[in-house]
């Protein structure tokens, strides 16, 4: 996979956090600003004025894909979950994030900075979460939601997926976000090693 530089980052900072694994699994959280000026899709509207730098570095291999990249350590003491091209209203600034580990599900929640949503459409953002506590012995369900004004849920369903640990403790799961499908004849016609050619259309290799 061409875009695997995140695996070379420093080990999870598990010793720096406090609380139990169930009530405080979030060690650290970071996010990019709106990336739409770097993303050629029909969802490109006016970008916000936030820092558009990505905490994941160059994510151009993910163009056209919404992905979760994960790494769960061998002993189940922690996990790194990166979210690439998460769509949210432009003008968003995620001031906080929370996590809870309930019944085998890691629930991640984003908090926006205020009640106002800019009337400029949607933007893509990159997110990363350092977590402690999820076990590597069973499949790990992940739920990602976003809260709006004063903590009220947004009117959309949480995003859910299952990480296939312990069979694969690291990997990438994606959905296509093309407005128009990318046509192909062979895998090399697709834009990323995360895609392959299926019936003449580029599709994620590992979908969720």
N, C-alpha and C. Protein backbone atom coordinates (compact mmCIF):
# COMPACT_ATOMS: atom_id res chain seq x y z
N UNK A 1 0.85 -1.18 0.00
CA UNK A 1 0.00 0.00 0.00
C UNK A 1 0.89 1.24 0.00
N UNK A 2 0.63 2.16 -0.93
CA UNK A 2 1.51 3.30 -1.06
C UNK A 2 1.42 4.23 0.13
N UNK A 3 0.22 4.41 0.64
CA UNK A 3 0.07 5.39 1.73
C UNK A 3 0.06 4.66 3.06
N UNK A 4 1.23 4.28 3.55
CA UNK A 4 1.32 3.55 4.81
C UNK A 4 2.24 4.24 5.79
N UNK A 5 2.49 5.52 5.57
CA UNK A 5 3.44 6.23 6.43
C UNK A 5 2.95 6.34 7.86
N UNK A 6 1.64 6.27 8.05
CA UNK A 6 1.13 6.39 9.42
C UNK A 6 1.62 5.25 10.30
N UNK A 7 1.94 4.08 9.71
CA UNK A 7 2.41 2.96 10.50
C UNK A 7 3.79 3.20 11.08
N UNK A 8 4.51 4.16 10.50
CA UNK A 8 5.85 4.45 10.98
C UNK A 8 5.85 5.47 12.11
N UNK A 9 4.70 5.96 12.50
CA UNK A 9 4.62 6.95 13.56
C UNK A 9 4.96 6.31 14.89
N UNK A 10 5.19 7.12 15.89
CA UNK A 10 5.61 6.63 17.19
C UNK A 10 4.56 5.74 17.81
N UNK A 11 4.97 4.90 18.76
CA UNK A 11 4.07 3.95 19.42
C UNK A 11 2.97 4.68 20.16
N UNK A 12 1.89 4.00 20.41
CA UNK A 12 0.75 4.61 21.08
C UNK A 12 1.16 5.14 22.45
N UNK A 13 0.70 6.34 22.77
CA UNK A 13 1.07 6.98 24.03
C UNK A 13 0.13 6.53 25.14
N UNK A 14 0.17 5.24 25.47
CA UNK A 14 -0.79 4.69 26.39
C UNK A 14 -0.50 5.06 27.84
N UNK A 15 0.73 5.27 28.17
CA UNK A 15 1.08 5.53 29.56
C UNK A 15 0.69 6.92 30.00
N UNK A 16 0.33 7.79 29.07
CA UNK A 16 0.08 9.18 29.41
C UNK A 16 -1.35 9.45 29.84
N UNK A 17 -2.24 8.45 29.78
CA UNK A 17 -3.64 8.71 30.04
C UNK A 17 -4.05 8.20 31.40
N UNK A 18 -5.21 8.66 31.86
CA UNK A 18 -5.75 8.24 33.14
C UNK A 18 -7.15 7.72 32.94
N UNK A 19 -7.72 7.11 33.98
CA UNK A 19 -9.07 6.57 33.88
C UNK A 19 -9.05 5.11 33.49
N UNK A 20 -10.22 4.47 33.55
CA UNK A 20 -10.31 3.06 33.20
C UNK A 20 -10.52 2.90 31.72
N UNK A 21 -10.35 1.66 31.25
CA UNK A 21 -10.48 1.41 29.83
C UNK A 21 -11.90 1.66 29.34
N UNK A 22 -12.92 1.47 30.20
CA UNK A 22 -14.29 1.61 29.74
C UNK A 22 -14.77 3.05 29.83
N UNK A 23 -14.28 3.84 30.83
CA UNK A 23 -14.82 5.18 30.98
C UNK A 23 -13.97 6.25 30.31
N UNK A 24 -12.76 5.93 29.91
CA UNK A 24 -11.91 6.93 29.29
C UNK A 24 -10.89 6.28 28.36
N UNK A 25 -11.34 5.65 27.29
CA UNK A 25 -10.37 5.00 26.39
C UNK A 25 -9.65 5.95 25.45
N UNK A 26 -10.07 7.22 25.37
CA UNK A 26 -9.46 8.14 24.41
C UNK A 26 -8.18 8.73 25.00
N UNK A 27 -7.06 8.47 24.33
CA UNK A 27 -5.77 9.02 24.73
C UNK A 27 -5.53 10.37 24.06
N UNK A 28 -5.81 10.45 22.75
CA UNK A 28 -5.56 11.67 22.01
C UNK A 28 -6.45 11.71 20.78
N UNK A 29 -6.71 12.93 20.31
CA UNK A 29 -7.56 13.15 19.14
C UNK A 29 -7.00 14.33 18.36
N UNK A 30 -7.02 14.23 17.02
CA UNK A 30 -6.56 15.32 16.16
C UNK A 30 -7.41 15.31 14.90
N UNK A 31 -7.48 16.46 14.23
CA UNK A 31 -8.24 16.53 12.99
C UNK A 31 -7.63 17.57 12.08
N UNK A 32 -7.93 17.45 10.79
CA UNK A 32 -7.50 18.44 9.81
C UNK A 32 -8.59 19.49 9.66
N UNK A 33 -8.27 20.54 8.92
CA UNK A 33 -9.30 21.46 8.46
C UNK A 33 -9.95 20.93 7.20
N UNK A 34 -10.83 21.73 6.61
CA UNK A 34 -11.50 21.35 5.38
C UNK A 34 -10.47 21.10 4.28
N UNK A 35 -10.60 19.96 3.59
CA UNK A 35 -9.63 19.58 2.56
C UNK A 35 -10.15 19.78 1.15
N UNK A 36 -11.30 20.38 0.97
CA UNK A 36 -11.93 20.34 -0.35
C UNK A 36 -11.14 21.01 -1.45
N UNK A 37 -10.31 21.99 -1.12
CA UNK A 37 -9.53 22.60 -2.18
C UNK A 37 -8.47 21.65 -2.72
N UNK A 38 -8.24 20.51 -2.01
CA UNK A 38 -7.31 19.50 -2.49
C UNK A 38 -8.03 18.26 -3.00
N UNK A 39 -9.36 18.27 -2.96
CA UNK A 39 -10.13 17.07 -3.28
C UNK A 39 -11.04 17.36 -4.46
N UNK A 40 -10.81 16.72 -5.57
CA UNK A 40 -11.58 16.99 -6.79
C UNK A 40 -12.81 16.10 -6.82
N UNK A 41 -13.90 16.56 -6.21
CA UNK A 41 -15.17 15.86 -6.29
C UNK A 41 -16.27 16.89 -6.48
N UNK A 42 -17.46 16.41 -6.79
CA UNK A 42 -18.60 17.31 -6.96
C UNK A 42 -19.06 17.91 -5.65
N UNK A 43 -18.48 17.48 -4.52
CA UNK A 43 -18.83 18.05 -3.22
C UNK A 43 -17.96 19.24 -2.87
N UNK A 44 -17.17 19.73 -3.80
CA UNK A 44 -16.28 20.85 -3.53
C UNK A 44 -17.07 22.15 -3.54
N UNK A 45 -17.25 22.73 -2.36
CA UNK A 45 -17.91 24.00 -2.19
C UNK A 45 -16.89 24.97 -1.60
N UNK A 46 -17.37 26.09 -1.09
CA UNK A 46 -16.47 27.05 -0.45
C UNK A 46 -15.84 26.40 0.78
N UNK A 47 -14.52 26.48 0.88
CA UNK A 47 -13.81 25.89 2.01
C UNK A 47 -13.84 26.83 3.20
N UNK A 48 -13.75 26.24 4.41
CA UNK A 48 -13.67 27.10 5.59
C UNK A 48 -12.26 27.66 5.71
N UNK A 49 -12.04 28.47 6.73
CA UNK A 49 -10.76 29.14 6.89
C UNK A 49 -9.84 28.41 7.85
N UNK A 50 -10.20 27.20 8.25
CA UNK A 50 -9.38 26.46 9.19
C UNK A 50 -8.12 25.93 8.54
N UNK A 51 -7.24 25.38 9.38
CA UNK A 51 -6.00 24.78 8.90
C UNK A 51 -6.35 23.53 8.11
N UNK A 52 -6.01 23.52 6.83
CA UNK A 52 -6.35 22.38 5.98
C UNK A 52 -5.28 21.30 6.01
N UNK A 53 -4.23 21.47 6.83
CA UNK A 53 -3.21 20.44 6.94
C UNK A 53 -3.79 19.17 7.53
N UNK A 54 -3.32 18.03 7.06
CA UNK A 54 -3.83 16.75 7.56
C UNK A 54 -2.91 16.20 8.62
N UNK A 55 -3.45 15.70 9.76
CA UNK A 55 -2.60 15.06 10.75
C UNK A 55 -2.04 13.74 10.26
N UNK A 56 -2.53 13.25 9.11
CA UNK A 56 -2.06 11.99 8.56
C UNK A 56 -1.04 12.17 7.45
N UNK A 57 -0.68 13.42 7.15
CA UNK A 57 0.24 13.65 6.05
C UNK A 57 -0.49 13.62 4.72
N UNK A 58 0.20 13.15 3.69
CA UNK A 58 -0.36 13.13 2.33
C UNK A 58 -1.39 12.00 2.23
N UNK A 59 -2.64 12.36 2.00
CA UNK A 59 -3.70 11.35 1.87
C UNK A 59 -4.25 11.29 0.45
N UNK A 60 -3.44 11.68 -0.53
CA UNK A 60 -3.93 11.72 -1.91
C UNK A 60 -4.30 10.33 -2.43
N UNK A 61 -3.72 9.26 -1.89
CA UNK A 61 -4.09 7.91 -2.32
C UNK A 61 -5.52 7.57 -1.94
N UNK A 62 -6.12 8.35 -1.05
CA UNK A 62 -7.49 8.10 -0.60
C UNK A 62 -8.52 8.91 -1.37
N UNK A 63 -8.10 9.67 -2.39
CA UNK A 63 -9.05 10.48 -3.15
C UNK A 63 -10.19 9.60 -3.66
N UNK A 64 -11.43 10.07 -3.44
CA UNK A 64 -12.59 9.31 -3.86
C UNK A 64 -13.01 8.23 -2.90
N UNK A 65 -12.32 8.12 -1.76
CA UNK A 65 -12.62 7.07 -0.78
C UNK A 65 -12.81 7.66 0.60
N UNK A 66 -13.73 7.12 1.36
CA UNK A 66 -13.92 7.41 2.77
C UNK A 66 -13.45 6.18 3.52
N UNK A 67 -12.40 6.32 4.35
CA UNK A 67 -11.72 5.14 4.88
C UNK A 67 -11.48 5.23 6.39
N UNK A 68 -11.44 4.05 7.00
CA UNK A 68 -10.96 3.86 8.37
C UNK A 68 -9.69 3.01 8.28
N UNK A 69 -8.59 3.56 8.76
CA UNK A 69 -7.34 2.82 8.84
C UNK A 69 -7.06 2.52 10.30
N UNK A 70 -6.74 1.28 10.63
CA UNK A 70 -6.65 0.91 12.04
C UNK A 70 -5.39 0.09 12.32
N UNK A 71 -4.95 0.17 13.56
CA UNK A 71 -3.85 -0.64 14.07
C UNK A 71 -4.18 -0.96 15.52
N UNK A 72 -4.38 -2.24 15.82
CA UNK A 72 -4.65 -2.71 17.18
C UNK A 72 -3.42 -3.48 17.64
N UNK A 73 -2.88 -3.14 18.81
CA UNK A 73 -1.64 -3.80 19.24
C UNK A 73 -1.90 -5.26 19.61
N UNK A 74 -0.84 -6.06 19.59
CA UNK A 74 -0.97 -7.50 19.73
C UNK A 74 -1.62 -7.93 21.04
N UNK A 75 -1.42 -7.17 22.10
CA UNK A 75 -1.93 -7.55 23.41
C UNK A 75 -3.23 -6.84 23.75
N UNK A 76 -3.80 -6.11 22.81
CA UNK A 76 -5.08 -5.48 23.04
C UNK A 76 -5.05 -4.31 23.99
N UNK A 77 -3.89 -3.69 24.17
CA UNK A 77 -3.79 -2.58 25.12
C UNK A 77 -4.17 -1.25 24.50
N UNK A 78 -4.27 -1.17 23.20
CA UNK A 78 -4.60 0.10 22.58
C UNK A 78 -4.80 -0.03 21.09
N UNK A 79 -5.28 1.04 20.49
CA UNK A 79 -5.55 1.05 19.05
C UNK A 79 -5.37 2.46 18.52
N UNK A 80 -4.99 2.53 17.26
CA UNK A 80 -4.96 3.79 16.52
C UNK A 80 -5.99 3.65 15.40
N UNK A 81 -6.95 4.58 15.32
CA UNK A 81 -7.94 4.58 14.26
C UNK A 81 -7.86 5.92 13.54
N UNK A 82 -7.53 5.89 12.26
CA UNK A 82 -7.49 7.09 11.42
C UNK A 82 -8.73 7.08 10.52
N UNK A 83 -9.37 8.22 10.39
CA UNK A 83 -10.53 8.35 9.53
C UNK A 83 -10.18 9.37 8.44
N UNK A 84 -10.24 8.94 7.20
CA UNK A 84 -9.82 9.78 6.08
C UNK A 84 -11.04 10.15 5.24
N UNK A 85 -11.16 11.44 4.94
CA UNK A 85 -12.25 11.97 4.12
C UNK A 85 -13.61 11.80 4.78
N UNK A 86 -13.67 12.17 6.06
CA UNK A 86 -14.94 12.21 6.78
C UNK A 86 -15.69 13.47 6.34
N UNK A 87 -16.96 13.30 5.95
CA UNK A 87 -17.73 14.42 5.44
C UNK A 87 -18.55 15.07 6.55
N UNK A 88 -18.47 16.41 6.65
CA UNK A 88 -19.22 17.18 7.63
C UNK A 88 -19.45 18.57 7.03
N UNK A 89 -20.41 19.34 7.57
CA UNK A 89 -20.64 20.68 7.02
C UNK A 89 -19.38 21.53 7.01
N UNK A 90 -19.17 22.29 5.94
CA UNK A 90 -18.01 23.16 5.92
C UNK A 90 -18.22 24.25 6.97
N UNK A 91 -17.12 24.72 7.50
CA UNK A 91 -17.16 25.63 8.63
C UNK A 91 -17.08 24.91 9.95
N UNK A 92 -17.08 23.56 9.94
CA UNK A 92 -16.98 22.80 11.18
C UNK A 92 -15.59 22.92 11.77
N UNK A 93 -15.54 22.94 13.08
CA UNK A 93 -14.29 22.80 13.80
C UNK A 93 -14.58 21.87 14.96
N UNK A 94 -13.93 20.74 14.99
CA UNK A 94 -14.21 19.75 16.02
C UNK A 94 -13.38 20.09 17.26
N UNK A 95 -14.05 20.65 18.26
CA UNK A 95 -13.35 21.11 19.44
C UNK A 95 -13.09 20.00 20.44
N UNK A 96 -13.77 18.88 20.28
CA UNK A 96 -13.61 17.81 21.27
C UNK A 96 -14.05 16.50 20.63
N UNK A 97 -13.63 15.41 21.25
CA UNK A 97 -14.08 14.08 20.88
C UNK A 97 -14.15 13.25 22.14
N UNK A 98 -15.04 12.29 22.16
CA UNK A 98 -15.16 11.39 23.29
C UNK A 98 -15.15 9.95 22.78
N UNK A 99 -14.86 9.03 23.67
CA UNK A 99 -14.88 7.62 23.32
C UNK A 99 -15.37 6.83 24.52
N UNK A 100 -16.09 5.75 24.25
CA UNK A 100 -16.50 4.82 25.29
C UNK A 100 -16.49 3.42 24.71
N UNK A 101 -16.14 2.46 25.52
CA UNK A 101 -16.04 1.07 25.09
C UNK A 101 -17.16 0.31 25.78
N UNK A 102 -18.21 -0.03 25.02
CA UNK A 102 -19.42 -0.59 25.60
C UNK A 102 -19.81 -1.88 24.89
N UNK A 103 -19.78 -2.98 25.63
CA UNK A 103 -20.25 -4.25 25.08
C UNK A 103 -19.57 -4.68 23.81
N UNK A 104 -18.27 -4.43 23.69
CA UNK A 104 -17.53 -4.81 22.50
C UNK A 104 -17.56 -3.78 21.40
N UNK A 105 -18.19 -2.63 21.62
CA UNK A 105 -18.25 -1.56 20.62
C UNK A 105 -17.47 -0.35 21.10
N UNK A 106 -16.56 0.13 20.26
CA UNK A 106 -15.86 1.38 20.54
C UNK A 106 -16.68 2.51 19.94
N UNK A 107 -17.28 3.34 20.80
CA UNK A 107 -18.13 4.44 20.36
C UNK A 107 -17.33 5.74 20.37
N UNK A 108 -17.15 6.31 19.19
CA UNK A 108 -16.43 7.56 19.02
C UNK A 108 -17.43 8.66 18.67
N UNK A 109 -17.29 9.82 19.32
CA UNK A 109 -18.22 10.92 19.08
C UNK A 109 -17.44 12.20 18.88
N UNK A 110 -17.80 12.96 17.84
CA UNK A 110 -17.19 14.25 17.54
C UNK A 110 -18.10 15.36 18.04
N UNK A 111 -17.50 16.41 18.61
CA UNK A 111 -18.27 17.58 19.03
C UNK A 111 -17.88 18.77 18.19
N UNK A 112 -18.87 19.38 17.51
CA UNK A 112 -18.60 20.58 16.73
C UNK A 112 -18.47 21.79 17.64
N UNK A 113 -17.89 22.86 17.09
CA UNK A 113 -17.54 24.02 17.91
C UNK A 113 -18.72 24.92 18.23
N UNK A 114 -19.84 24.77 17.58
CA UNK A 114 -20.95 25.67 17.86
C UNK A 114 -22.21 25.26 17.16
N UNK A 115 -23.22 26.13 17.23
CA UNK A 115 -24.54 25.82 16.70
C UNK A 115 -24.70 26.24 15.25
N UNK A 116 -23.80 27.05 14.74
CA UNK A 116 -23.95 27.59 13.39
C UNK A 116 -23.28 26.68 12.38
N UNK A 117 -23.99 26.40 11.30
CA UNK A 117 -23.45 25.63 10.19
C UNK A 117 -23.33 26.55 8.99
N UNK A 118 -22.14 26.64 8.40
CA UNK A 118 -21.93 27.51 7.25
C UNK A 118 -22.74 27.01 6.06
N UNK A 119 -23.28 27.94 5.27
CA UNK A 119 -24.11 27.57 4.12
C UNK A 119 -23.24 27.41 2.87
N UNK A 120 -22.26 26.56 2.96
CA UNK A 120 -21.37 26.38 1.82
C UNK A 120 -21.21 24.90 1.49
N UNK A 121 -22.15 24.07 1.93
CA UNK A 121 -22.09 22.68 1.54
C UNK A 121 -21.33 21.83 2.54
N UNK A 122 -20.55 20.90 2.02
CA UNK A 122 -19.86 19.93 2.86
C UNK A 122 -18.37 19.94 2.56
N UNK A 123 -17.61 19.52 3.57
CA UNK A 123 -16.16 19.41 3.44
C UNK A 123 -15.74 18.01 3.86
N UNK A 124 -14.53 17.64 3.45
CA UNK A 124 -13.91 16.41 3.92
C UNK A 124 -12.85 16.77 4.95
N UNK A 125 -12.78 15.93 6.00
CA UNK A 125 -11.83 16.13 7.09
C UNK A 125 -11.11 14.81 7.35
N UNK A 126 -9.88 14.90 7.85
CA UNK A 126 -9.17 13.73 8.35
C UNK A 126 -9.18 13.78 9.87
N UNK A 127 -9.34 12.61 10.49
CA UNK A 127 -9.39 12.49 11.94
C UNK A 127 -8.45 11.37 12.37
N UNK A 128 -7.87 11.48 13.58
CA UNK A 128 -7.22 10.30 14.13
C UNK A 128 -7.47 10.23 15.62
N UNK A 129 -7.60 8.98 16.09
CA UNK A 129 -7.90 8.69 17.48
C UNK A 129 -6.84 7.71 18.01
N UNK A 130 -6.21 8.05 19.13
CA UNK A 130 -5.40 7.09 19.87
C UNK A 130 -6.25 6.60 21.04
N UNK A 131 -6.36 5.30 21.18
CA UNK A 131 -7.27 4.69 22.15
C UNK A 131 -6.56 3.65 22.97
N UNK A 132 -7.05 3.39 24.17
CA UNK A 132 -6.55 2.28 24.97
C UNK A 132 -7.69 1.33 25.29
N UNK A 133 -7.35 0.08 25.44
CA UNK A 133 -8.30 -0.87 25.98
C UNK A 133 -8.98 -1.83 25.03
N UNK A 134 -9.19 -1.52 23.74
CA UNK A 134 -9.92 -2.50 22.91
C UNK A 134 -9.13 -3.79 22.77
N UNK A 135 -9.81 -4.90 22.90
CA UNK A 135 -9.14 -6.19 22.87
C UNK A 135 -8.82 -6.61 21.45
N UNK A 136 -7.73 -7.34 21.28
CA UNK A 136 -7.36 -7.87 19.97
C UNK A 136 -7.80 -9.31 19.81
N UNK A 137 -8.58 -9.83 20.77
CA UNK A 137 -8.95 -11.24 20.74
C UNK A 137 -10.26 -11.50 20.01
N UNK A 138 -11.07 -10.45 19.79
CA UNK A 138 -12.34 -10.61 19.10
C UNK A 138 -12.52 -9.47 18.10
N UNK A 139 -13.52 -9.62 17.21
CA UNK A 139 -13.84 -8.53 16.30
C UNK A 139 -14.19 -7.28 17.10
N UNK A 140 -13.82 -6.12 16.56
CA UNK A 140 -14.07 -4.86 17.25
C UNK A 140 -15.05 -4.03 16.43
N UNK A 141 -16.22 -3.77 16.99
CA UNK A 141 -17.20 -2.91 16.35
C UNK A 141 -16.86 -1.45 16.68
N UNK A 142 -16.98 -0.58 15.68
CA UNK A 142 -16.70 0.84 15.85
C UNK A 142 -17.93 1.62 15.41
N UNK A 143 -18.29 2.63 16.19
CA UNK A 143 -19.39 3.52 15.86
C UNK A 143 -18.89 4.95 15.93
N UNK A 144 -19.08 5.72 14.87
CA UNK A 144 -18.65 7.12 14.82
C UNK A 144 -19.87 8.00 14.63
N UNK A 145 -20.07 8.93 15.57
CA UNK A 145 -21.20 9.85 15.49
C UNK A 145 -20.69 11.28 15.68
N UNK A 146 -21.57 12.22 15.41
CA UNK A 146 -21.22 13.64 15.52
C UNK A 146 -22.34 14.36 16.26
N UNK A 147 -21.97 15.19 17.23
CA UNK A 147 -22.96 15.96 17.97
C UNK A 147 -22.96 17.40 17.47
N UNK A 148 -24.14 18.01 17.56
CA UNK A 148 -24.30 19.37 17.07
C UNK A 148 -24.41 20.38 18.19
N UNK A 149 -25.38 21.25 18.11
CA UNK A 149 -25.53 22.34 19.05
C UNK A 149 -25.74 21.84 20.47
N UNK A 150 -24.87 22.25 21.37
CA UNK A 150 -24.96 21.95 22.80
C UNK A 150 -25.08 20.44 23.05
N UNK A 151 -24.37 19.67 22.23
CA UNK A 151 -24.30 18.24 22.46
C UNK A 151 -25.44 17.42 21.90
N UNK A 152 -26.41 18.05 21.22
CA UNK A 152 -27.52 17.29 20.67
C UNK A 152 -27.05 16.50 19.45
N UNK A 153 -27.56 15.27 19.26
CA UNK A 153 -27.12 14.48 18.11
C UNK A 153 -27.56 15.11 16.80
N UNK A 154 -26.74 14.96 15.77
CA UNK A 154 -27.16 15.36 14.45
C UNK A 154 -28.22 14.39 13.93
N UNK A 155 -29.00 14.85 12.98
CA UNK A 155 -30.09 14.02 12.46
C UNK A 155 -29.58 13.11 11.35
N UNK A 156 -28.66 12.23 11.69
CA UNK A 156 -28.21 11.23 10.75
C UNK A 156 -27.69 10.04 11.56
N UNK A 157 -27.70 8.88 10.94
CA UNK A 157 -27.31 7.67 11.63
C UNK A 157 -25.80 7.65 11.87
N UNK A 158 -25.36 7.10 13.01
CA UNK A 158 -23.91 6.92 13.20
C UNK A 158 -23.33 6.01 12.13
N UNK A 159 -22.06 6.19 11.86
CA UNK A 159 -21.34 5.32 10.94
C UNK A 159 -20.84 4.12 11.73
N UNK A 160 -21.12 2.92 11.26
CA UNK A 160 -20.73 1.72 11.97
C UNK A 160 -19.94 0.79 11.05
N UNK A 161 -18.98 0.10 11.63
CA UNK A 161 -18.20 -0.89 10.89
C UNK A 161 -17.59 -1.85 11.88
N UNK A 162 -17.08 -2.97 11.40
CA UNK A 162 -16.44 -3.98 12.23
C UNK A 162 -15.01 -4.17 11.76
N UNK A 163 -14.06 -3.99 12.68
CA UNK A 163 -12.65 -4.25 12.37
C UNK A 163 -12.40 -5.74 12.56
N UNK A 164 -11.80 -6.41 11.56
CA UNK A 164 -11.69 -7.86 11.60
C UNK A 164 -10.52 -8.38 12.43
N UNK A 165 -10.31 -7.82 13.63
CA UNK A 165 -9.32 -8.38 14.53
C UNK A 165 -9.95 -9.62 15.18
N UNK A 166 -9.16 -10.65 15.54
CA UNK A 166 -7.69 -10.71 15.49
C UNK A 166 -7.13 -11.18 14.15
N UNK A 167 -7.98 -11.52 13.18
CA UNK A 167 -7.47 -12.01 11.89
C UNK A 167 -6.57 -10.98 11.23
N UNK A 168 -6.91 -9.71 11.38
CA UNK A 168 -6.10 -8.63 10.81
C UNK A 168 -6.08 -7.48 11.81
N UNK A 169 -4.95 -7.31 12.48
CA UNK A 169 -4.84 -6.26 13.50
C UNK A 169 -4.50 -4.90 12.91
N UNK A 170 -4.25 -4.86 11.62
CA UNK A 170 -4.04 -3.58 10.96
C UNK A 170 -4.58 -3.68 9.54
N UNK A 171 -5.11 -2.57 9.07
CA UNK A 171 -5.66 -2.58 7.73
C UNK A 171 -6.45 -1.32 7.44
N UNK A 172 -7.15 -1.33 6.31
CA UNK A 172 -7.93 -0.18 5.86
C UNK A 172 -9.24 -0.67 5.28
N UNK A 173 -10.34 -0.08 5.73
CA UNK A 173 -11.68 -0.36 5.20
C UNK A 173 -12.23 0.92 4.61
N UNK A 174 -12.85 0.84 3.42
CA UNK A 174 -13.24 2.05 2.70
C UNK A 174 -14.63 1.93 2.09
N UNK A 175 -15.21 3.09 1.79
CA UNK A 175 -16.38 3.22 0.93
C UNK A 175 -16.03 4.17 -0.20
N UNK A 176 -16.61 3.95 -1.36
CA UNK A 176 -16.42 4.88 -2.46
C UNK A 176 -17.27 6.13 -2.22
N UNK A 177 -16.71 7.30 -2.51
CA UNK A 177 -17.47 8.54 -2.41
C UNK A 177 -17.49 9.25 -3.76
N UNK A 178 -17.27 8.50 -4.84
CA UNK A 178 -17.36 9.08 -6.17
C UNK A 178 -18.80 9.50 -6.44
N UNK A 179 -18.97 10.65 -7.03
CA UNK A 179 -20.29 11.00 -7.56
C UNK A 179 -20.53 10.21 -8.85
N UNK A 180 -19.52 10.14 -9.68
CA UNK A 180 -19.55 9.30 -10.87
C UNK A 180 -18.52 8.20 -10.70
N UNK A 181 -18.87 6.95 -10.99
CA UNK A 181 -17.89 5.87 -10.81
C UNK A 181 -16.70 6.02 -11.75
N UNK A 182 -15.54 5.64 -11.26
CA UNK A 182 -14.33 5.66 -12.08
C UNK A 182 -14.27 4.37 -12.88
N UNK A 183 -14.25 4.49 -14.18
CA UNK A 183 -14.22 3.30 -15.02
C UNK A 183 -12.79 2.78 -15.14
N UNK A 184 -12.67 1.48 -15.40
CA UNK A 184 -11.34 0.87 -15.44
C UNK A 184 -11.38 -0.37 -16.32
N UNK A 185 -10.18 -0.80 -16.71
CA UNK A 185 -10.01 -2.07 -17.42
C UNK A 185 -9.17 -3.04 -16.59
N UNK A 186 -8.19 -2.50 -15.85
CA UNK A 186 -7.36 -3.30 -14.97
C UNK A 186 -7.20 -2.54 -13.65
N UNK A 187 -6.67 -3.22 -12.64
CA UNK A 187 -6.50 -2.58 -11.34
C UNK A 187 -5.66 -1.32 -11.42
N UNK A 188 -4.65 -1.32 -12.28
CA UNK A 188 -3.76 -0.17 -12.39
C UNK A 188 -4.47 1.06 -12.96
N UNK A 189 -5.66 0.88 -13.52
CA UNK A 189 -6.43 2.03 -14.00
C UNK A 189 -7.05 2.81 -12.85
N UNK A 190 -7.14 2.22 -11.67
CA UNK A 190 -7.72 2.87 -10.51
C UNK A 190 -6.68 3.77 -9.86
N UNK A 191 -7.14 4.69 -9.02
CA UNK A 191 -6.26 5.74 -8.54
C UNK A 191 -5.46 5.37 -7.30
N UNK A 192 -5.72 4.21 -6.74
CA UNK A 192 -5.10 3.90 -5.46
C UNK A 192 -4.92 2.41 -5.31
N UNK A 193 -3.91 2.01 -4.52
CA UNK A 193 -3.76 0.61 -4.17
C UNK A 193 -4.90 0.14 -3.28
N UNK A 194 -5.71 1.07 -2.78
CA UNK A 194 -6.86 0.72 -1.96
C UNK A 194 -8.06 0.30 -2.81
N UNK A 195 -7.95 0.44 -4.13
CA UNK A 195 -9.03 0.10 -5.04
C UNK A 195 -8.60 -1.02 -5.99
N UNK A 196 -9.58 -1.70 -6.56
CA UNK A 196 -9.32 -2.63 -7.65
C UNK A 196 -10.47 -2.54 -8.65
N UNK A 197 -10.25 -3.12 -9.81
CA UNK A 197 -11.21 -3.00 -10.91
C UNK A 197 -12.20 -4.16 -10.84
N UNK A 198 -13.48 -3.84 -10.68
CA UNK A 198 -14.53 -4.85 -10.57
C UNK A 198 -15.61 -4.52 -11.60
N UNK A 199 -15.77 -5.39 -12.58
CA UNK A 199 -16.79 -5.20 -13.62
C UNK A 199 -16.70 -3.82 -14.27
N UNK A 200 -15.47 -3.38 -14.52
CA UNK A 200 -15.26 -2.13 -15.23
C UNK A 200 -15.35 -0.87 -14.39
N UNK A 201 -15.46 -1.02 -13.05
CA UNK A 201 -15.57 0.14 -12.15
C UNK A 201 -14.59 -0.03 -11.00
N UNK A 202 -13.90 1.04 -10.61
CA UNK A 202 -13.00 0.99 -9.47
C UNK A 202 -13.79 0.93 -8.17
N UNK A 203 -13.51 -0.09 -7.37
CA UNK A 203 -14.19 -0.28 -6.09
C UNK A 203 -13.16 -0.48 -4.99
N UNK A 204 -13.51 -0.16 -3.72
CA UNK A 204 -12.57 -0.41 -2.62
C UNK A 204 -12.24 -1.89 -2.52
N UNK A 205 -10.97 -2.17 -2.23
CA UNK A 205 -10.57 -3.57 -2.06
C UNK A 205 -11.20 -4.18 -0.80
N UNK A 206 -11.27 -3.40 0.27
CA UNK A 206 -11.81 -3.88 1.53
C UNK A 206 -12.93 -2.94 1.96
N UNK A 207 -14.16 -3.19 1.51
CA UNK A 207 -15.26 -2.25 1.80
C UNK A 207 -15.85 -2.46 3.19
N UNK A 208 -16.51 -1.44 3.68
CA UNK A 208 -17.33 -1.59 4.88
C UNK A 208 -18.72 -1.01 4.61
